[in-house]
Amino acid sequence: MEPFTGLTRGGTPWIPQFVTRIIHERCIGCGRCYKVCSRNVFDLIEREKLQDSFDNSENDEEMEDWEEDGFEDDGAMVMTVVNMDDCIGCESCSKVCPKKCHVHAPVTRDKVA
């Protein structure tokens, strides 16, 4: 499928890259992406709550990586995607992130209604 394409003000085609997830192992919870996003796509959560969501999931491999990186019960905050559908594909979040923890992808036309 062909990706959804926009146009710049000058008429140049542009393919928006929408946020799909955050690599939590890299996130330091600085909040820069939260502050730059005008669409309320992100929210800070405690690492412990994120770890609990791993405990309730079937993704044991990701949980093992989490523990190996030393993130057990440290009380720190990390960013998470809460409103993925509100992302406009500007990639501002990844431009301000010092740890490059945002993952983006284009959306195909069949997913745009």
Protein backbone atom coordinates (compact mmCIF):
# COMPACT_ATOMS: atom_id res chain seq x y z
CA MET A 1 0.00 0.00 0.00
CA GLU A 2 1.05 3.56 -0.68
CA PRO A 3 1.82 5.71 2.38
CA PHE A 4 -0.34 8.68 3.31
CA THR A 5 1.31 11.78 1.81
CA GLY A 6 0.92 15.45 2.63
CA LEU A 7 2.22 18.60 1.03
CA THR A 8 4.46 21.30 2.43
CA ARG A 9 3.38 24.91 2.08
CA GLY A 10 5.53 25.10 -1.04
CA GLY A 11 3.80 22.08 -2.56
CA THR A 12 6.57 19.53 -1.96
CA PRO A 13 5.25 16.04 -1.15
CA TRP A 14 5.93 14.97 2.42
CA ILE A 15 5.37 11.59 4.10
CA PRO A 16 4.46 12.07 7.78
CA GLN A 17 6.10 9.65 10.22
CA PHE A 18 3.69 8.85 13.06
CA VAL A 19 4.87 7.73 16.49
CA THR A 20 4.23 4.02 17.04
CA ARG A 21 5.97 3.41 20.35
CA ILE A 22 8.66 4.52 22.78
CA ILE A 23 11.69 2.39 23.54
CA HIS A 24 11.32 2.51 27.33
CA GLU A 25 14.77 1.08 27.98
CA ARG A 26 16.26 4.30 26.54
CA CYS A 27 13.78 6.80 28.00
CA ILE A 28 15.08 8.94 30.87
CA GLY A 29 11.72 10.62 31.54
CA CYS A 30 12.98 14.14 30.78
CA GLY A 31 9.57 15.20 29.42
CA ARG A 32 10.89 17.08 26.39
CA CYS A 33 8.64 15.17 23.99
CA TYR A 34 5.67 15.77 26.28
CA LYS A 35 6.33 19.52 26.26
CA VAL A 36 6.84 19.83 22.50
CA CYS A 37 3.79 17.76 21.51
CA SER A 38 0.73 19.95 21.04
CA ARG A 39 -1.54 16.93 20.55
CA ASN A 40 -1.28 15.29 24.02
CA VAL A 41 0.10 12.07 22.55
CA PHE A 42 2.39 11.33 25.54
CA ASP A 43 2.19 11.00 29.30
CA LEU A 44 4.69 10.26 32.03
CA ILE A 45 4.23 7.11 34.07
CA GLU A 46 6.26 5.50 36.82
CA ARG A 47 8.67 2.82 35.68
CA GLU A 48 7.16 0.59 38.34
CA LYS A 49 3.69 0.85 36.74
CA LEU A 50 5.24 0.11 33.36
CA GLN A 51 6.97 -2.90 34.88
CA ASP A 52 3.60 -4.06 36.26
CA SER A 53 2.18 -3.90 32.74
CA PHE A 54 5.05 -6.14 31.61
CA ASP A 55 4.25 -8.51 34.48
CA ASN A 56 0.70 -8.78 33.17
CA SER A 57 1.76 -9.28 29.56
CA GLU A 58 3.10 -12.26 27.71
CA ASN A 59 6.28 -10.42 26.70
CA ASP A 60 8.75 -12.13 29.05
CA GLU A 61 11.75 -11.30 26.86
CA GLU A 62 11.13 -7.55 27.11
CA MET A 63 10.69 -7.86 30.87
CA GLU A 64 14.03 -9.70 31.17
CA ASP A 65 15.75 -6.91 29.21
CA TRP A 66 14.10 -4.39 31.53
CA GLU A 67 15.49 -6.10 34.64
CA GLU A 68 18.95 -6.55 33.11
CA ASP A 69 19.13 -2.80 32.53
CA GLY A 70 18.60 -2.21 36.26
CA PHE A 71 15.14 -0.62 36.15
CA GLU A 72 13.56 -2.64 38.92
CA ASP A 73 11.58 -0.51 41.41
CA ASP A 74 13.65 2.64 40.95
CA GLY A 75 10.70 5.09 41.20
CA ALA A 76 11.76 6.95 38.06
CA MET A 77 9.38 8.18 35.39
CA VAL A 78 9.26 7.25 31.71
CA MET A 79 7.22 8.54 28.81
CA THR A 80 4.51 6.43 27.22
CA VAL A 81 2.23 6.86 24.23
CA VAL A 82 -1.36 7.37 25.40
CA ASN A 83 -3.07 8.93 22.35
CA MET A 84 -1.37 7.45 19.29
CA ASP A 85 -4.34 8.37 17.08
CA ASP A 86 -3.80 12.08 17.80
CA CYS A 87 -0.25 12.08 16.38
CA ILE A 88 0.06 14.30 13.28
CA GLY A 89 3.41 12.86 12.15
CA CYS A 90 5.54 15.97 12.66
CA GLU A 91 8.33 14.05 14.50
CA SER A 92 8.95 16.98 16.87
CA CYS A 93 9.14 14.51 19.74
CA SER A 94 12.07 12.65 18.25
CA LYS A 95 13.86 15.88 17.34
CA VAL A 96 14.03 16.99 20.99
CA CYS A 97 14.69 13.55 22.51
CA PRO A 98 18.28 13.22 23.76
CA LYS A 99 18.06 9.41 23.85
CA LYS A 100 16.36 8.79 20.47
CA CYS A 101 13.71 6.54 21.99
CA HIS A 102 10.76 7.30 19.68
CA VAL A 103 9.82 4.89 16.91
CA HIS A 104 7.96 6.32 13.90
CA ALA A 105 6.38 4.85 10.78
CA PRO A 106 4.29 6.10 7.89
CA VAL A 107 0.61 5.23 7.71
CA THR A 108 -0.76 3.61 4.58
CA ARG A 109 -3.73 5.12 2.81
CA ASP A 110 -5.97 2.15 3.68
CA LYS A 111 -5.64 3.06 7.38
CA VAL A 112 -6.65 6.70 6.85
CA ALA A 113 -10.40 7.10 6.81
